[in-house]
Amino acid sequence: MDKNFLVQAQDLSFERSGRIIFSSINLYLEEGQIIFIKGKNGSGKTSLLRCLAGFTPITSGKILWYDNEVLPTFYSEAPLIAWLGHLDAIKGSLTVKDNLLFFAKIWSVKLNTINQCIKKLSFEKFMNFPASWLSAGEKRRLSLLRLSFCPAKVWILDEPSTFLDSDNRKILIDMMNAHLKNKGAIVCATHDNLKIPNALELTL
């Protein structure tokens, strides 16, 4: 192929307990591109995302990251993906600040960058709260805050607007658009109508 794709999924199929979840899936992701994964509950949207990320092995087909057969979840040189799934990956016993600093240290992100993200999502007053005190919507916003400073080029998002009100849904859309303008790319499973210019759709 002439184009330099970040991700290529070629003729993927996935079975679980003898049941075909999806088959013959082809997906090609470029810089600045978003692909929405659509489908009914149980159609395999989350399974496809987990296969792309390397969390779940595919039954057949091939997945290439930067033209190589690597598993992004085990790539040690740099984070290839930012994952946001149904679980928020938040430690309730830690403060909000400590949750953020944990990932900032792993990703070698400067404190100034984190502070800018905190301000953008209006999270200053929560910093010293135990994360367990946060509501479901606040935990999702904290996950978005963490996502906003992750250096990974590819975001894989599974129903990212869950628990968000209309104002925070707009913040999510703004974040996604900014990431795409910075040559990032997104694969997003959603039931919502997140309006992103030039988005592609794959229906399972």
Protein backbone atom coordinates (compact mmCIF):
# COMPACT_ATOMS: atom_id res chain seq x y z
CA MET A 1 0.00 0.00 0.00
CA ASP A 2 1.18 3.55 -0.76
CA LYS A 3 -0.01 5.17 2.44
CA ASN A 4 1.77 4.98 5.79
CA PHE A 5 -0.91 3.66 8.11
CA LEU A 6 -0.57 3.79 11.89
CA VAL A 7 -2.76 0.71 12.24
CA GLN A 8 -3.78 -1.94 9.72
CA ALA A 9 -6.29 -4.64 10.62
CA GLN A 10 -6.51 -7.17 7.83
CA ASP A 11 -9.31 -9.75 7.54
CA LEU A 12 -9.75 -10.06 11.31
CA SER A 13 -11.97 -12.64 12.92
CA PHE A 14 -12.57 -13.37 16.57
CA GLU A 15 -14.34 -16.31 18.20
CA ARG A 16 -15.21 -16.85 21.85
CA SER A 17 -16.45 -20.19 23.22
CA GLY A 18 -17.15 -21.39 19.70
CA ARG A 19 -19.21 -18.31 18.82
CA ILE A 20 -18.09 -15.99 15.99
CA ILE A 21 -18.07 -12.46 17.44
CA PHE A 22 -16.91 -10.77 14.22
CA SER A 23 -15.23 -11.80 10.98
CA SER A 24 -13.67 -10.35 7.79
CA ILE A 25 -12.94 -6.99 9.45
CA ASN A 26 -10.58 -4.60 7.65
CA LEU A 27 -9.55 -1.30 9.21
CA TYR A 28 -6.88 1.23 8.18
CA LEU A 29 -6.03 4.19 10.39
CA GLU A 30 -3.99 7.23 9.32
CA GLU A 31 -2.71 10.33 11.13
CA GLY A 32 -5.50 12.82 11.79
CA GLN A 33 -8.21 10.21 11.22
CA ILE A 34 -11.00 8.94 13.45
CA ILE A 35 -12.97 5.74 12.93
CA PHE A 36 -16.21 5.25 14.85
CA ILE A 37 -17.12 1.63 15.56
CA LYS A 38 -20.90 1.27 15.55
CA GLY A 39 -23.25 -1.62 16.19
CA LYS A 40 -25.85 -3.07 18.53
CA ASN A 41 -24.99 -4.34 22.01
CA GLY A 42 -23.17 -7.64 21.67
CA SER A 43 -22.03 -6.97 18.11
CA GLY A 44 -18.35 -7.12 19.11
CA LYS A 45 -17.35 -3.45 19.38
CA THR A 46 -15.43 -3.84 22.65
CA SER A 47 -13.92 -7.14 21.51
CA LEU A 48 -12.59 -5.47 18.35
CA LEU A 49 -11.01 -2.65 20.36
CA ARG A 50 -9.42 -5.13 22.75
CA CYS A 51 -8.01 -7.10 19.81
CA LEU A 52 -6.53 -3.94 18.27
CA ALA A 53 -4.91 -3.02 21.58
CA GLY A 54 -3.46 -6.50 22.07
CA PHE A 55 -5.48 -7.31 25.18
CA THR A 56 -7.28 -10.18 23.40
CA PRO A 57 -5.75 -12.47 20.74
CA ILE A 58 -7.50 -12.57 17.37
CA THR A 59 -8.65 -15.90 15.92
CA SER A 60 -7.34 -15.13 12.43
CA GLY A 61 -6.09 -12.22 10.34
CA LYS A 62 -3.30 -9.74 10.96
CA ILE A 63 -2.83 -6.49 12.90
CA LEU A 64 0.06 -4.18 12.00
CA TRP A 65 1.17 -1.18 14.05
CA TYR A 66 3.50 1.09 12.07
CA ASP A 67 3.90 -1.79 9.57
CA ASN A 68 5.06 -4.18 12.31
CA GLU A 69 3.31 -7.04 14.09
CA VAL A 70 3.73 -5.68 17.61
CA LEU A 71 1.38 -5.77 20.58
CA PRO A 72 0.99 -2.14 21.70
CA THR A 73 0.19 -3.13 25.27
CA PHE A 74 3.64 -4.76 25.57
CA TYR A 75 5.65 -2.17 23.62
CA SER A 76 8.25 -0.86 26.07
CA GLU A 77 9.83 2.04 24.16
CA ALA A 78 6.85 4.41 24.20
CA PRO A 79 3.07 4.22 24.69
CA LEU A 80 1.57 3.38 21.31
CA ILE A 81 -2.01 3.69 22.55
CA ALA A 82 -4.08 5.53 25.10
CA TRP A 83 -6.87 3.20 26.24
CA LEU A 84 -10.13 4.39 27.76
CA GLY A 85 -12.55 1.57 28.41
CA HIS A 86 -15.57 0.88 30.60
CA LEU A 87 -13.36 0.77 33.70
CA ASP A 88 -11.69 4.05 34.61
CA ALA A 89 -8.35 2.65 35.91
CA ILE A 90 -8.56 4.90 38.96
CA LYS A 91 -7.21 3.92 42.39
CA GLY A 92 -9.87 4.97 44.89
CA SER A 93 -7.48 4.90 47.86
CA LEU A 94 -5.19 7.49 46.23
CA THR A 95 -5.92 11.18 45.88
CA VAL A 96 -6.86 12.58 42.50
CA LYS A 97 -3.44 14.26 42.37
CA ASP A 98 -1.58 11.00 43.10
CA ASN A 99 -3.61 9.17 40.44
CA LEU A 100 -2.50 11.74 37.86
CA LEU A 101 1.13 11.85 39.02
CA PHE A 102 1.35 8.05 38.77
CA PHE A 103 0.66 8.14 35.04
CA ALA A 104 2.65 11.33 34.50
CA LYS A 105 5.74 9.58 35.87
CA ILE A 106 5.22 6.51 33.66
CA TRP A 107 4.79 8.70 30.57
CA SER A 108 7.50 11.26 31.51
CA VAL A 109 5.03 14.15 31.27
CA LYS A 110 6.05 17.55 32.66
CA LEU A 111 4.12 18.98 35.59
CA ASN A 112 3.32 22.15 33.65
CA THR A 113 1.51 20.10 31.01
CA ILE A 114 -0.56 18.34 33.67
CA ASN A 115 -1.49 21.63 35.33
CA GLN A 116 -2.73 22.98 31.99
CA CYS A 117 -4.94 19.91 31.56
CA ILE A 118 -6.26 20.20 35.13
CA LYS A 119 -7.25 23.80 34.47
CA LYS A 120 -8.85 22.99 31.11
CA LEU A 121 -11.13 20.38 32.72
CA SER A 122 -11.78 22.58 35.82
CA PHE A 123 -10.49 19.92 38.20
CA GLU A 124 -8.46 22.11 40.59
CA LYS A 125 -10.79 21.70 43.58
CA PHE A 126 -10.66 17.88 43.44
CA MET A 127 -6.89 17.42 43.56
CA ASN A 128 -6.59 16.46 47.23
CA PHE A 129 -9.78 14.40 47.35
CA PRO A 130 -9.54 10.60 47.59
CA ALA A 131 -10.58 9.38 44.14
CA SER A 132 -13.21 7.17 45.81
CA TRP A 133 -15.13 10.35 46.71
CA LEU A 134 -15.76 11.21 43.08
CA SER A 135 -19.08 10.55 41.37
CA ALA A 136 -19.27 8.36 38.26
CA GLY A 137 -19.27 11.46 36.05
CA GLU A 138 -16.30 12.97 37.90
CA LYS A 139 -14.34 9.73 37.58
CA ARG A 140 -14.98 9.76 33.84
CA ARG A 141 -13.78 13.37 33.68
CA LEU A 142 -10.64 12.35 35.59
CA SER A 143 -10.06 9.64 33.00
CA LEU A 144 -10.42 12.25 30.25
CA LEU A 145 -7.95 14.48 32.08
CA ARG A 146 -5.44 11.64 32.12
CA LEU A 147 -6.14 10.93 28.46
CA SER A 148 -5.47 14.55 27.54
CA PHE A 149 -1.80 14.39 28.58
CA CYS A 150 -1.01 10.87 27.40
CA PRO A 151 1.72 11.09 24.71
CA ALA A 152 0.35 8.16 22.69
CA LYS A 153 -0.52 8.94 19.08
CA VAL A 154 -3.46 6.53 18.86
CA TRP A 155 -6.43 6.74 21.21
CA ILE A 156 -8.67 3.67 21.57
CA LEU A 157 -11.90 4.71 23.24
CA ASP A 158 -14.80 2.51 24.32
CA GLU A 159 -17.97 4.53 24.97
CA PRO A 160 -15.96 7.56 26.22
CA SER A 161 -19.06 9.76 26.71
CA THR A 162 -20.56 7.43 29.35
CA PHE A 163 -21.66 9.39 32.48
CA LEU A 164 -20.86 12.75 30.84
CA ASP A 165 -23.36 15.61 30.76
CA SER A 166 -23.74 17.80 27.67
CA ASP A 167 -21.06 20.31 28.73
CA ASN A 168 -18.47 17.63 29.38
CA ARG A 169 -19.45 15.81 26.21
CA LYS A 170 -18.50 18.99 24.35
CA ILE A 171 -15.15 19.01 26.18
CA LEU A 172 -14.60 15.42 25.05
CA ILE A 173 -15.35 16.35 21.42
CA ASP A 174 -12.98 19.34 21.66
CA MET A 175 -10.26 17.05 23.03
CA MET A 176 -10.77 14.57 20.22
CA ASN A 177 -10.64 17.29 17.56
CA ALA A 178 -7.47 18.76 19.08
CA HIS A 179 -5.82 15.34 19.11
CA LEU A 180 -6.66 14.79 15.45
CA LYS A 181 -5.33 18.24 14.48
CA ASN A 182 -2.04 17.32 16.20
CA LYS A 183 -1.70 14.31 13.85
CA GLY A 184 -3.12 11.89 16.37
CA ALA A 185 -5.66 9.20 15.46
CA ILE A 186 -8.67 7.65 17.19
CA VAL A 187 -10.67 4.44 17.08
CA CYS A 188 -13.85 4.95 19.10
CA ALA A 189 -16.77 2.63 19.83
CA THR A 190 -19.87 4.60 20.70
CA HIS A 191 -23.66 4.65 20.54
CA ASP A 192 -23.66 8.46 20.77
CA ASN A 193 -23.54 10.90 17.90
CA LEU A 194 -20.18 12.53 18.56
CA LYS A 195 -19.88 15.02 15.73
CA ILE A 196 -16.31 14.96 14.39
CA PRO A 197 -15.59 16.31 10.88
CA ASN A 198 -14.62 13.72 8.23
CA ALA A 199 -15.13 10.78 10.63
CA LEU A 200 -15.30 7.30 9.15
CA GLU A 201 -17.67 4.59 10.42
CA LEU A 202 -17.33 0.83 10.67
CA THR A 203 -20.58 -0.95 11.55
CA LEU A 204 -20.40 -4.44 13.05
